[in-house]
Amino acid sequence: MHLTNSNPRPVILFVHGGSWEEGSKDDYLFVGESFTRAGYVTVVMNYRLAPVHKYPDYVQDTARAIQWINQNISRYGGNPQQLVVMGHSAGAFNAVEAVDNPRWLSEVNVPVSSIKAVVGIAGPYSYDFRTDSTRDAFPANAVPDQVMPDRHVRTDAPPHLLLVGSKDQRVKPANAQKMHAALQARQIPVQLQTVEGANHISIMAAVATRLSWYKSTRQQILDYLAKTLKS
């Protein structure tokens, strides 16, 4: 369905998690419903999965989705110059890396200025995958300095919101703390916020409209975007 709209709406691209090895956009229809209700045109994407596909394939897929939005979203009532890139867990890695590493947007000829904010939910932005169960998602000879988003922050990156769950035992808060420090070092506006009582799963589940009472994830994101997009 194509829409004509004299007042196009801001756009959210959501990238799902799943340790880069599982998951589908079909599992995250609740994200589209939730943010559409809040006034956003929402795109939920798939990407190629490990172990068949390793870094950077899934990051490049994220960049291609940004390119598609840049070229097509106005036909669906969205404003391509008001894009928010958001992800959970592995998807947060993809979102942050695709935007913050200048290589990926350059490959698809999309200006970073079209992206107004990045939202990372419980993302593994800075860890040693070589000793982790996710090592098959990365090339065998790679090292963290080559692939981790906190090593790749561009000087013109957009503002970031990094959310962590106070009870997340899967992705340690140190990931977001290191990403926060890397963004600050480049003088990028960044907020690191905690969702109290949330673990790695519930922090994402609470994005759903019907679960927004359970944890504060949805409201924290909407409050942040309202201020960030307005400014």
Protein backbone atom coordinates (compact mmCIF):
# COMPACT_ATOMS: atom_id res chain seq x y z
CA MET A 1 0.00 0.00 0.00
CA HIS A 2 1.35 3.39 -1.01
CA LEU A 3 0.29 6.50 0.85
CA THR A 4 0.34 10.15 -0.06
CA ASN A 5 0.95 12.28 2.98
CA SER A 6 1.58 16.00 3.20
CA ASN A 7 2.91 15.48 6.73
CA PRO A 8 5.21 12.44 6.58
CA ARG A 9 5.93 10.63 9.82
CA PRO A 10 9.28 9.73 11.36
CA VAL A 11 10.51 6.22 10.64
CA ILE A 12 11.86 3.44 12.87
CA LEU A 13 13.92 0.57 11.46
CA PHE A 14 14.01 -2.35 13.91
CA VAL A 15 16.63 -5.11 13.80
CA HIS A 16 15.86 -8.30 15.76
CA GLY A 17 18.18 -10.26 18.02
CA GLY A 18 18.97 -13.95 18.24
CA SER A 19 22.76 -14.28 18.58
CA TRP A 20 22.98 -13.71 14.79
CA GLU A 21 21.91 -17.34 14.34
CA GLU A 22 18.12 -17.27 14.73
CA GLY A 23 15.08 -15.05 14.76
CA SER A 24 12.84 -13.51 12.12
CA LYS A 25 10.95 -10.31 11.54
CA ASP A 26 7.80 -12.43 11.80
CA ASP A 27 8.49 -12.80 15.54
CA TYR A 28 8.51 -9.02 16.01
CA LEU A 29 5.22 -7.86 14.56
CA PHE A 30 4.53 -6.47 18.03
CA VAL A 31 7.30 -3.92 17.47
CA GLY A 32 5.65 -2.63 14.33
CA GLU A 33 2.28 -2.46 16.05
CA SER A 34 3.68 -0.71 19.11
CA PHE A 35 5.56 2.08 17.37
CA THR A 36 2.95 2.52 14.65
CA ARG A 37 0.47 3.28 17.42
CA ALA A 38 2.91 5.89 18.69
CA GLY A 39 2.94 7.66 15.32
CA TYR A 40 5.98 6.15 13.58
CA VAL A 41 6.22 4.37 10.26
CA THR A 42 7.94 1.18 11.39
CA VAL A 43 10.04 -1.23 9.33
CA VAL A 44 11.03 -4.62 10.81
CA MET A 45 13.76 -6.35 8.82
CA ASN A 46 15.35 -9.75 8.32
CA TYR A 47 19.06 -10.34 7.78
CA ARG A 48 21.27 -13.22 6.75
CA LEU A 49 22.12 -15.51 9.65
CA ALA A 50 25.22 -17.27 10.97
CA PRO A 51 26.96 -19.63 10.78
CA VAL A 52 26.49 -19.56 7.00
CA HIS A 53 26.76 -15.78 7.03
CA LYS A 54 29.34 -14.11 9.24
CA TYR A 55 30.29 -10.51 9.99
CA PRO A 56 29.88 -8.23 8.10
CA ASP A 57 27.05 -9.79 6.06
CA TYR A 58 24.34 -9.03 8.60
CA VAL A 59 25.65 -5.49 9.12
CA GLN A 60 25.62 -4.88 5.37
CA ASP A 61 22.02 -6.15 5.28
CA THR A 62 21.15 -3.53 7.88
CA ALA A 63 22.79 -0.83 5.76
CA ARG A 64 20.83 -2.05 2.72
CA ALA A 65 17.60 -1.78 4.71
CA ILE A 66 18.55 1.82 5.55
CA GLN A 67 19.17 2.39 1.86
CA TRP A 68 15.74 0.94 0.98
CA ILE A 69 14.08 3.25 3.49
CA ASN A 70 16.00 6.21 2.13
CA GLN A 71 14.75 5.46 -1.39
CA ASN A 72 11.24 4.15 -0.77
CA ILE A 73 9.70 5.05 2.58
CA SER A 74 8.10 8.29 1.38
CA ARG A 75 5.65 6.13 -0.60
CA TYR A 76 4.44 4.68 2.70
CA GLY A 77 3.98 7.97 4.52
CA GLY A 78 7.42 8.07 6.11
CA ASN A 79 10.03 10.80 6.16
CA PRO A 80 13.40 9.40 4.98
CA GLN A 81 15.17 12.31 6.67
CA GLN A 82 13.72 11.37 10.08
CA LEU A 83 15.02 7.84 10.54
CA VAL A 84 15.67 6.05 13.83
CA VAL A 85 17.70 2.82 13.68
CA MET A 86 16.91 0.47 16.57
CA GLY A 87 17.85 -3.07 17.53
CA HIS A 88 17.80 -5.61 20.33
CA SER A 89 20.76 -7.78 21.35
CA ALA A 90 22.56 -8.92 18.16
CA GLY A 91 20.26 -6.58 16.29
CA ALA A 92 21.48 -3.69 18.44
CA PHE A 93 25.04 -4.58 17.43
CA ASN A 94 23.94 -4.53 13.77
CA ALA A 95 22.15 -1.20 14.15
CA VAL A 96 25.00 0.55 15.95
CA GLU A 97 27.72 -0.88 13.72
CA ALA A 98 25.82 -0.08 10.50
CA VAL A 99 25.41 3.56 11.48
CA ASP A 100 28.57 4.29 13.46
CA ASN A 101 31.14 2.64 11.21
CA PRO A 102 31.33 5.02 8.21
CA ARG A 103 32.15 2.14 5.88
CA TRP A 104 28.65 0.66 5.73
CA LEU A 105 26.55 3.72 4.91
CA SER A 106 29.22 4.78 2.43
CA GLU A 107 28.81 1.45 0.62
CA VAL A 108 25.10 2.15 0.06
CA ASN A 109 25.47 5.91 -0.57
CA VAL A 110 23.25 7.01 2.31
CA PRO A 111 24.17 10.17 4.24
CA VAL A 112 24.39 9.69 7.98
CA SER A 113 22.53 12.98 8.36
CA SER A 114 19.28 11.20 7.45
CA ILE A 115 19.55 9.15 10.66
CA LYS A 116 18.39 11.18 13.64
CA ALA A 117 18.92 8.63 16.41
CA VAL A 118 20.17 5.13 17.19
CA VAL A 119 18.52 3.06 19.92
CA GLY A 120 20.38 -0.01 21.20
CA ILE A 121 18.52 -2.39 23.51
CA ALA A 122 20.78 -4.80 25.44
CA GLY A 123 23.43 -4.84 22.73
CA PRO A 124 26.79 -6.67 22.75
CA TYR A 125 28.88 -3.78 21.48
CA SER A 126 32.21 -4.64 23.09
CA TYR A 127 33.18 -8.20 24.02
CA ASP A 128 35.57 -10.99 23.07
CA PHE A 129 33.48 -13.23 20.82
CA ARG A 130 36.40 -15.65 20.46
CA THR A 131 35.57 -17.21 23.85
CA ASP A 132 31.79 -16.86 23.51
CA SER A 133 29.07 -19.10 22.08
CA THR A 134 28.55 -16.50 19.33
CA ARG A 135 32.03 -16.96 17.86
CA ASP A 136 30.62 -18.69 14.75
CA ALA A 137 29.00 -15.39 13.76
CA PHE A 138 32.45 -13.88 13.14
CA PRO A 139 35.33 -14.78 10.81
CA ALA A 140 37.72 -17.32 12.31
CA ASN A 141 40.72 -15.00 12.11
CA ALA A 142 38.94 -11.84 13.32
CA VAL A 143 39.74 -10.00 16.56
CA PRO A 144 37.48 -7.64 18.55
CA ASP A 145 39.26 -4.51 17.36
CA GLN A 146 38.20 -5.34 13.81
CA VAL A 147 34.50 -5.90 14.42
CA MET A 148 33.23 -4.36 17.66
CA PRO A 149 31.11 -1.20 17.24
CA ASP A 150 32.78 0.66 20.09
CA ARG A 151 36.01 0.66 18.02
CA HIS A 152 34.35 2.23 14.95
CA VAL A 153 32.57 5.42 16.09
CA ARG A 154 32.46 8.08 13.41
CA THR A 155 32.81 11.72 14.45
CA ASP A 156 29.45 12.69 12.90
CA ALA A 157 27.36 9.87 14.38
CA PRO A 158 23.79 10.73 15.43
CA PRO A 159 22.59 10.75 19.06
CA HIS A 160 22.29 7.37 20.80
CA LEU A 161 20.10 5.84 23.47
CA LEU A 162 21.59 2.70 25.04
CA LEU A 163 19.20 0.69 27.21
CA VAL A 164 20.30 -2.08 29.58
CA GLY A 165 18.30 -4.35 31.85
CA SER A 166 19.24 -4.32 35.52
CA LYS A 167 18.89 -8.13 35.61
CA ASP A 168 20.39 -8.97 32.21
CA GLN A 169 22.73 -11.94 32.63
CA ARG A 170 23.10 -12.66 28.90
CA VAL A 171 24.64 -9.39 27.72
CA LYS A 172 26.52 -7.65 30.50
CA PRO A 173 25.99 -3.90 31.05
CA ALA A 174 29.73 -3.41 30.49
CA ASN A 175 28.99 -3.61 26.75
CA ALA A 176 26.82 -0.51 26.89
CA GLN A 177 29.18 1.22 29.30
CA LYS A 178 32.08 0.79 26.88
CA MET A 179 29.92 1.90 23.95
CA HIS A 180 28.81 4.91 25.97
CA ALA A 181 32.44 5.84 26.67
CA ALA A 182 33.41 5.45 23.01
CA LEU A 183 30.58 7.75 21.92
CA GLN A 184 31.45 10.30 24.58
CA ALA A 185 35.07 10.27 23.45
CA ARG A 186 33.84 11.34 20.00
CA GLN A 187 31.53 13.94 21.59
CA ILE A 188 28.42 12.16 20.31
CA PRO A 189 25.26 12.83 22.37
CA VAL A 190 24.48 9.58 24.21
CA GLN A 191 22.25 8.47 27.05
CA LEU A 192 22.79 5.22 28.94
CA GLN A 193 19.61 4.22 30.75
CA THR A 194 18.60 1.22 32.84
CA VAL A 195 15.29 -0.61 32.64
CA GLU A 196 14.83 -1.67 36.23
CA GLY A 197 13.99 -5.30 36.84
CA ALA A 198 14.39 -6.28 33.19
CA ASN A 199 16.39 -9.24 31.94
CA HIS A 200 17.60 -9.87 28.40
CA ILE A 201 14.18 -11.03 27.20
CA SER A 202 11.79 -8.88 29.21
CA ILE A 203 13.54 -5.66 28.24
CA MET A 204 12.45 -6.37 24.66
CA ALA A 205 9.06 -7.90 25.42
CA ALA A 206 8.07 -4.69 27.21
CA VAL A 207 8.17 -2.84 23.89
CA ALA A 208 4.82 -4.48 23.14
CA THR A 209 1.87 -2.20 23.78
CA ARG A 210 0.09 -4.77 25.93
CA LEU A 211 3.20 -5.31 28.07
CA SER A 212 4.25 -1.69 28.42
CA TRP A 213 2.99 -1.72 32.03
CA TYR A 214 5.45 -4.51 32.86
CA LYS A 215 8.74 -2.67 32.30
CA SER A 216 9.58 0.85 31.16
CA THR A 217 11.32 0.03 27.85
CA ARG A 218 8.64 1.42 25.54
CA GLN A 219 8.10 4.62 27.48
CA GLN A 220 11.82 5.31 27.84
CA ILE A 221 12.26 4.96 24.07
CA LEU A 222 9.26 7.13 23.22
CA ASP A 223 10.29 9.83 25.70
CA TYR A 224 13.82 9.88 24.29
CA LEU A 225 12.67 10.04 20.67
CA ALA A 226 10.15 12.78 21.36
CA LYS A 227 12.93 15.00 22.71
CA THR A 228 15.61 13.97 20.24
CA LEU A 229 13.54 14.28 17.06
CA LYS A 230 12.09 17.60 18.21
CA SER A 231 15.55 19.05 18.73
